[in-house]
Amino acid sequence: MDLNFTAEEQSFRDEVRGFLRAKLPGEISRKVLGGKRLEKNDFVRWQRILHAQGWGAAAWPQAFGGTGWNAVQQHIFDEECADAGAPLQLPFGLKMVAPVIMAFGNPAQQQYFLPRIVDGTDWWCQGYSEPGSGSDLASLKTRAVREGDHYVVNGQKTWNTLGQYADWIFCLVRTSTEGRQQEGISFLLIDMKTPGIEVRPIIMLDGEHEINEVWFEDVKVPVQNLIGEENKGWTYAKFLLGHERTGIAGVGRSKRELKKLKDIAAKETAHGRPLIEDQRFRDRIAQVELELMALEITNLRVISAEGEKKRAPGPEASILKIKGSEIQQMLTELKMQALGHYALPYIEDALDADWTGDPLMEAYADHAAPLAGQYFNFRKTTIYGGSNEIQKNIISQMILGL
């Protein structure tokens, strides 16, 4: 296997870099690279810039408004965007519900929803997890009862990311109690402005409002917003999760954070000796870098197979999810250790774009200020998208045949 990029691929990388230099707003990239708080407008603005370039949906087929790029081009684009400090393109619309609509939605749904996702008009959020129905998602209890040309939805979703900004939510709902739990679930698209929906914030350890509870009380959803067939939603949910788990790998972002770790370790400590010169710590950096290189190669293999076979990622996506989330946690842990006591103070104001730093932190201020919040936030990566324990079960059953 030749792991070197071709001349054409290097040329494409140069094109992406040129675009990022010209079009990525500096105030947004400074926020991303400095670990600052991003606002809704930052995400929407960047998505619209990409859409104007024709790059709003790197992984979509051209028939639906995507770039038609191959796996290597998508990988290069993601890597260069992460390195330049571009905001993450929100996956809920682009990488989660959109593939479901393409594969299982009807033409009217495709024609209405897909253009509004790629041009940044609609912000989507996810309605999967419920209290008591996280890893055991099939036990969900939110009900949807058909009454004429509507479903009436009642129930609760939790761990809903950024739903306070959302225009739409894609939901798994129970439409039947007959047979196995998985056989009575349907996939609904719900307008968040519908009467009866309440979004209640969940404030995290770092004081940020990233996640929510979403409550449904007699919410009327048109039957035309049902994806595919009634009671077949479990099939569509698994299809979506394959795309989500591939995206969790986050190779480009991890490569950026590895650079930050090396930068921290290269600075002189209070004893005048950079931490990178400590053999044990250098070995730990080398270990995570090797694992990231292996993840990058595996990620390319998975997305290449997806493009060639025209199918959703299979159980191999679970491998990406496990290792990608573990690497992200390792990087935050190593940065915390590298900064020592500088990493301990958490300064909420430091997430504001106009924060000027704490002189007591001296050269470490840019790295240390947001790090404690990031460290605790990244504890979630091995849980969301299906916990790593669940992913190991999938691998043992569907790949190893145990």
Protein backbone atom coordinates (compact mmCIF):
# COMPACT_ATOMS: atom_id res chain seq x y z
CA MET A 1 0.00 0.00 0.00
CA ASP A 2 1.40 3.43 -1.02
CA LEU A 3 0.62 5.85 1.79
CA ASN A 4 2.07 8.88 0.01
CA PHE A 5 -0.27 11.44 -1.54
CA THR A 6 -0.21 11.76 -5.32
CA ALA A 7 0.67 14.99 -7.11
CA GLU A 8 -3.02 15.56 -7.81
CA GLU A 9 -3.85 15.10 -4.14
CA GLN A 10 -1.09 17.50 -3.10
CA SER A 11 -2.48 20.01 -5.57
CA PHE A 12 -5.91 19.60 -4.03
CA ARG A 13 -4.41 20.22 -0.58
CA ASP A 14 -2.85 23.45 -1.88
CA GLU A 15 -6.26 24.49 -3.23
CA VAL A 16 -7.92 23.88 0.13
CA ARG A 17 -5.19 25.78 1.97
CA GLY A 18 -5.53 28.72 -0.40
CA PHE A 19 -9.28 28.79 0.13
CA LEU A 20 -8.90 28.69 3.90
CA ARG A 21 -6.38 31.52 3.88
CA ALA A 22 -8.71 33.64 1.78
CA LYS A 23 -12.13 32.79 3.19
CA LEU A 24 -11.89 31.51 6.79
CA PRO A 25 -12.68 34.53 9.01
CA GLY A 26 -9.75 35.27 11.31
CA GLU A 27 -11.96 36.02 14.30
CA ILE A 28 -13.52 32.56 14.01
CA SER A 29 -10.24 30.66 13.57
CA ARG A 30 -8.73 32.48 16.56
CA LYS A 31 -11.65 31.30 18.69
CA VAL A 32 -11.23 27.70 17.55
CA LEU A 33 -7.46 27.57 17.97
CA GLY A 34 -7.64 29.35 21.32
CA GLY A 35 -10.36 27.13 22.76
CA LYS A 36 -12.83 30.01 22.95
CA ARG A 37 -16.60 29.81 23.06
CA LEU A 38 -18.24 29.61 19.64
CA GLU A 39 -21.64 31.20 19.01
CA LYS A 40 -24.38 29.93 16.72
CA ASN A 41 -23.53 32.54 14.12
CA ASP A 42 -19.93 31.28 13.90
CA PHE A 43 -21.10 27.84 12.77
CA VAL A 44 -23.79 29.15 10.43
CA ARG A 45 -21.48 31.76 8.89
CA TRP A 46 -18.81 29.17 8.12
CA GLN A 47 -21.32 26.74 6.63
CA ARG A 48 -22.62 29.46 4.31
CA ILE A 49 -19.08 30.36 3.22
CA LEU A 50 -18.44 26.72 2.36
CA HIS A 51 -21.76 26.44 0.54
CA ALA A 52 -20.96 29.50 -1.58
CA GLN A 53 -17.74 27.74 -2.62
CA GLY A 54 -19.65 24.56 -3.46
CA TRP A 55 -17.95 22.77 -0.57
CA GLY A 56 -20.81 22.72 1.93
CA ALA A 57 -21.14 18.93 2.00
CA ALA A 58 -17.83 17.18 1.34
CA ALA A 59 -19.19 13.65 1.66
CA TRP A 60 -22.48 14.08 -0.21
CA PRO A 61 -23.03 12.84 -3.75
CA GLN A 62 -23.17 15.56 -6.38
CA ALA A 63 -26.75 14.60 -7.19
CA PHE A 64 -27.80 15.97 -3.79
CA GLY A 65 -25.62 19.09 -3.86
CA GLY A 66 -22.39 17.60 -2.53
CA THR A 67 -18.84 17.83 -3.81
CA GLY A 68 -18.53 14.29 -5.07
CA TRP A 69 -15.02 14.16 -3.59
CA ASN A 70 -13.34 10.82 -3.06
CA ALA A 71 -12.25 9.55 0.34
CA VAL A 72 -8.75 11.05 0.17
CA GLN A 73 -10.08 14.47 -0.80
CA GLN A 74 -12.57 14.41 2.07
CA HIS A 75 -9.76 13.44 4.44
CA ILE A 76 -7.47 16.22 3.20
CA PHE A 77 -10.27 18.76 3.48
CA ASP A 78 -11.10 17.76 7.06
CA GLU A 79 -7.42 17.78 8.05
CA GLU A 80 -6.71 21.21 6.57
CA CYS A 81 -9.87 22.73 8.05
CA ALA A 82 -8.96 21.45 11.51
CA ASP A 83 -5.37 22.67 11.23
CA ALA A 84 -6.49 26.14 10.09
CA GLY A 85 -8.96 26.50 12.97
CA ALA A 86 -12.21 26.17 11.04
CA PRO A 87 -15.28 25.38 13.15
CA LEU A 88 -16.52 21.82 13.07
CA GLN A 89 -19.31 21.49 10.53
CA LEU A 90 -22.20 20.42 12.70
CA PRO A 91 -22.78 16.73 12.03
CA PHE A 92 -26.44 16.46 13.02
CA GLY A 93 -27.71 17.73 9.69
CA LEU A 94 -24.83 17.08 7.29
CA LYS A 95 -23.52 13.72 8.47
CA MET A 96 -26.39 12.16 10.40
CA VAL A 97 -29.91 12.95 9.24
CA ALA A 98 -28.97 13.89 5.66
CA PRO A 99 -27.64 10.40 4.73
CA VAL A 100 -30.85 8.92 6.17
CA ILE A 101 -32.99 11.26 4.08
CA MET A 102 -30.93 10.43 0.98
CA ALA A 103 -31.20 6.67 1.53
CA PHE A 104 -34.72 6.30 2.91
CA GLY A 105 -36.57 9.60 2.45
CA ASN A 106 -39.00 10.21 -0.38
CA PRO A 107 -38.29 12.71 -3.20
CA ALA A 108 -40.36 15.46 -1.56
CA GLN A 109 -38.38 15.13 1.68
CA GLN A 110 -35.09 15.12 -0.21
CA GLN A 111 -36.00 18.18 -2.25
CA TYR A 112 -37.13 20.18 0.79
CA PHE A 113 -34.70 19.27 3.55
CA LEU A 114 -31.35 18.63 1.87
CA PRO A 115 -30.83 22.09 0.28
CA ARG A 116 -31.74 23.73 3.61
CA ILE A 117 -29.15 21.61 5.43
CA VAL A 118 -26.27 22.30 3.07
CA ASP A 119 -26.87 26.06 2.80
CA GLY A 120 -27.10 26.53 6.57
CA THR A 121 -30.80 27.48 6.65
CA ASP A 122 -31.80 24.73 9.09
CA TRP A 123 -29.96 23.72 12.26
CA TRP A 124 -30.68 20.12 13.26
CA CYS A 125 -30.41 18.29 16.57
CA GLN A 126 -30.77 14.68 17.62
CA GLY A 127 -33.57 13.04 19.61
CA TYR A 128 -32.30 9.55 20.46
CA SER A 129 -31.33 9.13 24.13
CA GLU A 130 -33.90 9.16 26.92
CA PRO A 131 -33.61 8.75 30.70
CA GLY A 132 -32.95 5.03 31.05
CA SER A 133 -32.58 4.56 27.29
CA GLY A 134 -29.04 5.49 26.35
CA SER A 135 -26.91 2.46 25.55
CA ASP A 136 -30.14 0.43 25.54
CA LEU A 137 -31.69 2.70 22.95
CA ALA A 138 -34.31 0.17 21.86
CA SER A 139 -36.05 0.58 25.23
CA LEU A 140 -37.07 4.18 24.42
CA LYS A 141 -40.56 5.23 25.55
CA THR A 142 -41.39 8.46 23.71
CA ARG A 143 -44.70 7.64 22.02
CA ALA A 144 -46.14 8.72 18.69
CA VAL A 145 -49.81 7.87 18.15
CA ARG A 146 -51.28 8.37 14.71
CA GLU A 147 -54.42 10.48 14.56
CA GLY A 148 -55.53 11.08 10.98
CA ASP A 149 -52.81 12.88 9.05
CA HIS A 150 -50.70 13.59 12.16
CA TYR A 151 -48.75 11.77 14.84
CA VAL A 152 -49.20 13.02 18.40
CA VAL A 153 -45.89 12.77 20.24
CA ASN A 154 -45.42 12.62 24.02
CA GLY A 155 -42.22 11.92 25.94
CA GLN A 156 -38.73 13.16 26.76
CA LYS A 157 -35.29 13.14 25.15
CA THR A 158 -32.07 13.92 27.00
CA TRP A 159 -28.39 14.68 26.28
CA ASN A 160 -29.62 16.69 23.30
CA THR A 161 -26.69 18.68 21.93
CA LEU A 162 -27.29 22.35 21.03
CA GLY A 163 -31.03 21.88 20.72
CA GLN A 164 -31.49 25.41 22.04
CA TYR A 165 -30.46 26.62 18.57
CA ALA A 166 -32.22 23.98 16.49
CA ASP A 167 -34.88 24.46 13.85
CA TRP A 168 -35.55 20.71 13.50
CA ILE A 169 -35.01 17.53 15.49
CA PHE A 170 -34.89 13.98 14.15
CA CYS A 171 -36.47 11.63 16.65
CA LEU A 172 -36.85 7.96 17.34
CA VAL A 173 -40.36 7.36 18.67
CA ARG A 174 -42.34 4.31 19.66
CA THR A 175 -45.28 3.67 17.34
CA SER A 176 -45.98 0.09 18.41
CA THR A 177 -45.56 -2.12 21.46
CA GLU A 178 -46.01 -5.34 19.49
CA GLY A 179 -43.13 -7.81 19.14
CA ARG A 180 -39.49 -7.01 19.83
CA GLN A 181 -38.66 -3.53 21.07
CA GLN A 182 -36.72 -2.71 17.90
CA GLU A 183 -39.74 -3.50 15.72
CA GLY A 184 -41.99 -0.75 17.09
CA ILE A 185 -39.77 2.30 16.50
CA SER A 186 -40.27 4.98 13.85
CA PHE A 187 -38.09 7.86 12.62
CA LEU A 188 -39.78 11.29 12.65
CA LEU A 189 -38.62 14.75 11.57
CA ILE A 190 -40.07 17.35 13.94
CA ASP A 191 -40.16 21.13 13.59
CA MET A 192 -38.81 22.57 16.86
CA LYS A 193 -41.28 25.47 16.62
CA THR A 194 -44.23 23.10 16.97
CA PRO A 195 -46.42 23.87 20.02
CA GLY A 196 -45.81 21.48 22.92
CA ILE A 197 -42.01 21.29 22.64
CA GLU A 198 -39.97 22.55 25.59
CA VAL A 199 -36.16 22.71 25.69
CA ARG A 200 -34.71 22.61 29.21
CA PRO A 201 -30.98 23.34 29.60
CA ILE A 202 -28.53 20.98 31.28
CA ILE A 203 -25.61 23.04 32.58
CA MET A 204 -22.32 21.16 32.52
CA LEU A 205 -19.45 21.08 35.01
CA ASP A 206 -17.75 23.96 33.23
CA GLY A 207 -20.86 26.13 33.40
CA GLU A 208 -21.57 25.86 29.68
CA HIS A 209 -24.98 25.20 28.11
CA GLU A 210 -24.23 22.58 25.47
CA ILE A 211 -26.86 19.92 26.17
CA ASN A 212 -30.56 19.82 26.96
CA GLU A 213 -33.64 17.87 27.83
CA VAL A 214 -36.37 18.11 25.19
CA TRP A 215 -39.96 17.50 26.31
CA PHE A 216 -42.88 16.70 24.00
CA GLU A 217 -46.45 17.22 25.16
CA ASP A 218 -49.16 16.46 22.58
CA VAL A 219 -46.88 17.58 19.75
CA LYS A 220 -48.58 17.21 16.36
CA VAL A 221 -46.26 16.01 13.61
CA PRO A 222 -47.51 15.63 10.02
CA VAL A 223 -47.40 12.04 8.76
CA GLN A 224 -45.44 13.34 5.76
CA ASN A 225 -42.50 13.85 8.16
CA LEU A 226 -42.16 10.10 8.72
CA ILE A 227 -38.98 8.72 7.18
CA GLY A 228 -39.52 5.45 5.33
CA GLU A 229 -42.00 3.02 6.82
CA GLU A 230 -43.69 3.09 10.19
CA ASN A 231 -42.05 0.75 12.74
CA LYS A 232 -38.91 0.44 10.60
CA GLY A 233 -37.02 3.25 12.32
CA TRP A 234 -34.51 0.95 14.00
CA THR A 235 -33.03 0.16 10.58
CA TYR A 236 -32.64 3.86 9.81
CA ALA A 237 -31.25 4.55 13.29
CA LYS A 238 -28.47 1.97 12.83
CA PHE A 239 -27.66 3.43 9.42
CA LEU A 240 -27.33 6.88 10.98
CA LEU A 241 -25.17 5.64 13.86
CA GLY A 242 -22.69 4.16 11.42
CA HIS A 243 -22.14 7.63 9.94
CA GLU A 244 -22.00 9.23 13.39
CA ARG A 245 -19.36 6.78 14.66
CA THR A 246 -17.17 7.35 11.62
CA GLY A 247 -17.29 11.09 12.26
CA ILE A 248 -16.37 10.66 15.93
CA ALA A 249 -12.91 9.47 14.85
CA GLY A 250 -11.97 13.15 14.45
CA VAL A 251 -8.55 12.52 12.94
CA GLY A 252 -7.95 16.08 11.76
CA ARG A 253 -8.86 17.64 15.11
CA SER A 254 -6.71 15.14 17.00
CA LYS A 255 -3.72 15.93 14.77
CA ARG A 256 -4.20 19.60 15.59
CA GLU A 257 -4.35 18.88 19.31
CA LEU A 258 -1.25 16.69 19.07
CA LYS A 259 0.62 19.72 17.70
CA LYS A 260 -0.57 21.74 20.69
CA LEU A 261 0.62 19.03 23.07
CA LYS A 262 4.06 19.04 21.47
CA ASP A 263 4.15 22.83 21.65
CA ILE A 264 3.40 22.75 25.38
CA ALA A 265 5.96 20.02 26.02
CA ALA A 266 8.64 21.93 24.12
CA LYS A 267 8.43 24.99 26.38
CA GLU A 268 10.95 25.37 29.16
CA THR A 269 9.61 24.50 32.60
CA ALA A 270 10.32 26.26 35.88
CA HIS A 271 13.40 24.03 36.12
CA GLY A 272 14.60 25.17 32.71
CA ARG A 273 14.19 21.77 31.05
CA PRO A 274 11.45 21.20 28.45
CA LEU A 275 9.14 18.32 29.29
CA ILE A 276 9.76 16.82 25.85
CA GLU A 277 13.23 15.90 27.12
CA ASP A 278 11.72 13.63 29.76
CA GLN A 279 11.94 10.15 28.26
CA ARG A 280 8.79 8.80 29.90
CA PHE A 281 6.65 11.72 28.79
CA ARG A 282 8.17 11.65 25.30
CA ASP A 283 7.30 7.97 25.07
CA ARG A 284 3.67 8.74 25.90
CA ILE A 285 3.54 11.38 23.16
CA ALA A 286 5.07 8.90 20.70
CA GLN A 287 2.52 6.26 21.70
CA VAL A 288 -0.51 8.48 21.07
CA GLU A 289 1.03 9.70 17.79
CA LEU A 290 1.47 6.13 16.57
CA GLU A 291 -2.09 5.26 17.51
CA LEU A 292 -3.33 8.36 15.68
CA MET A 293 -1.40 7.37 12.54
CA ALA A 294 -2.99 3.90 12.65
CA LEU A 295 -6.43 5.47 13.15
CA GLU A 296 -5.89 7.76 10.15
CA ILE A 297 -5.08 4.81 7.88
CA THR A 298 -8.06 2.83 9.18
CA ASN A 299 -10.35 5.82 8.73
CA LEU A 300 -9.25 6.18 5.10
CA ARG A 301 -9.92 2.49 4.50
CA VAL A 302 -13.44 2.74 5.96
CA ILE A 303 -14.53 5.84 4.05
CA SER A 304 -12.95 4.49 0.85
CA ALA A 305 -14.93 1.26 1.19
CA GLU A 306 -18.08 3.26 1.87
CA GLY A 307 -17.62 5.22 -1.35
CA GLU A 308 -16.78 2.18 -3.47
CA LYS A 309 -19.59 -0.04 -2.18
CA LYS A 310 -22.19 2.77 -1.90
CA ARG A 311 -23.23 1.66 1.56
CA ALA A 312 -23.25 2.97 5.10
CA PRO A 313 -20.25 2.23 7.31
CA GLY A 314 -20.63 -1.20 8.88
CA PRO A 315 -19.31 -2.57 12.17
CA GLU A 316 -15.84 -1.31 11.25
CA ALA A 317 -17.11 2.16 12.23
CA SER A 318 -17.14 0.88 15.81
CA ILE A 319 -13.35 0.49 15.63
CA LEU A 320 -13.02 4.14 14.59
CA LYS A 321 -15.36 5.25 17.34
CA ILE A 322 -13.49 3.40 20.08
CA LYS A 323 -9.97 4.42 19.12
CA GLY A 324 -10.88 7.94 18.02
CA SER A 325 -12.60 8.75 21.31
CA GLU A 326 -9.81 7.19 23.37
CA ILE A 327 -7.17 9.23 21.52
CA GLN A 328 -9.12 12.44 22.12
CA GLN A 329 -9.21 11.67 25.84
CA MET A 330 -5.52 10.78 25.93
CA LEU A 331 -4.58 14.09 24.32
CA THR A 332 -6.52 16.14 26.87
CA GLU A 333 -5.02 14.08 29.70
CA LEU A 334 -1.47 14.58 28.43
CA LYS A 335 -2.01 18.31 28.01
CA MET A 336 -3.30 18.51 31.58
CA GLN A 337 -0.23 16.65 32.82
CA ALA A 338 2.11 18.76 30.72
CA LEU A 339 0.73 22.00 32.13
CA GLY A 340 0.71 20.73 35.70
CA HIS A 341 -0.75 23.21 38.18
CA TYR A 342 -1.34 25.74 35.37
CA ALA A 343 -4.04 23.42 34.05
CA LEU A 344 -6.01 23.38 37.29
CA PRO A 345 -7.67 26.84 37.40
CA TYR A 346 -10.86 27.08 35.39
CA ILE A 347 -11.66 30.61 34.25
CA GLU A 348 -15.09 30.82 32.62
CA ASP A 349 -14.36 34.29 31.22
CA ALA A 350 -11.39 32.83 29.35
CA LEU A 351 -13.84 31.30 26.87
CA ASP A 352 -14.85 34.80 25.72
CA ALA A 353 -13.14 35.93 22.53
CA ASP A 354 -12.02 39.25 24.06
CA TRP A 355 -10.39 37.73 27.18
CA THR A 356 -6.80 38.98 27.44
CA GLY A 357 -5.35 36.31 29.70
CA ASP A 358 -4.04 35.96 33.21
CA PRO A 359 -0.46 37.24 33.64
CA LEU A 360 0.13 34.61 36.32
CA MET A 361 -0.16 31.93 33.65
CA GLU A 362 2.49 33.68 31.52
CA ALA A 363 3.38 31.66 28.40
CA TYR A 364 0.85 28.94 29.18
CA ALA A 365 -2.23 31.20 29.24
CA ASP A 366 -3.56 30.36 25.77
CA HIS A 367 -3.35 26.63 26.43
CA ALA A 368 -4.30 26.51 30.12
CA ALA A 369 -7.34 28.75 30.32
CA PRO A 370 -9.86 26.51 28.51
CA LEU A 371 -8.18 23.18 29.25
CA ALA A 372 -9.91 22.12 32.45
CA GLY A 373 -13.33 22.49 30.83
CA GLN A 374 -12.16 20.60 27.74
CA TYR A 375 -10.75 17.80 29.88
CA PHE A 376 -14.05 17.20 31.66
CA ASN A 377 -16.09 17.66 28.50
CA PHE A 378 -14.07 15.00 26.67
CA ARG A 379 -15.05 12.38 29.25
CA LYS A 380 -18.21 12.05 27.15
CA THR A 381 -16.49 10.90 23.96
CA THR A 382 -16.35 7.24 24.99
CA ILE A 383 -20.09 7.34 25.77
CA TYR A 384 -21.92 9.21 23.01
CA GLY A 385 -22.63 7.57 19.67
CA GLY A 386 -22.94 4.29 21.58
CA SER A 387 -20.61 3.63 24.50
CA ASN A 388 -17.26 1.97 23.79
CA GLU A 389 -18.42 -1.11 25.70
CA ILE A 390 -21.34 -1.44 23.29
CA GLN A 391 -18.96 -0.96 20.33
CA LYS A 392 -16.79 -3.83 21.58
CA ASN A 393 -19.87 -6.06 21.66
CA ILE A 394 -20.65 -5.09 18.06
CA ILE A 395 -17.09 -5.88 16.96
CA SER A 396 -17.07 -9.24 18.74
CA GLN A 397 -20.39 -10.29 17.24
CA MET A 398 -20.27 -8.85 13.71
CA ILE A 399 -16.55 -8.89 12.89
CA LEU A 400 -15.07 -11.66 15.06
CA GLY A 401 -18.21 -13.81 15.05
CA LEU A 402 -18.05 -14.53 18.77
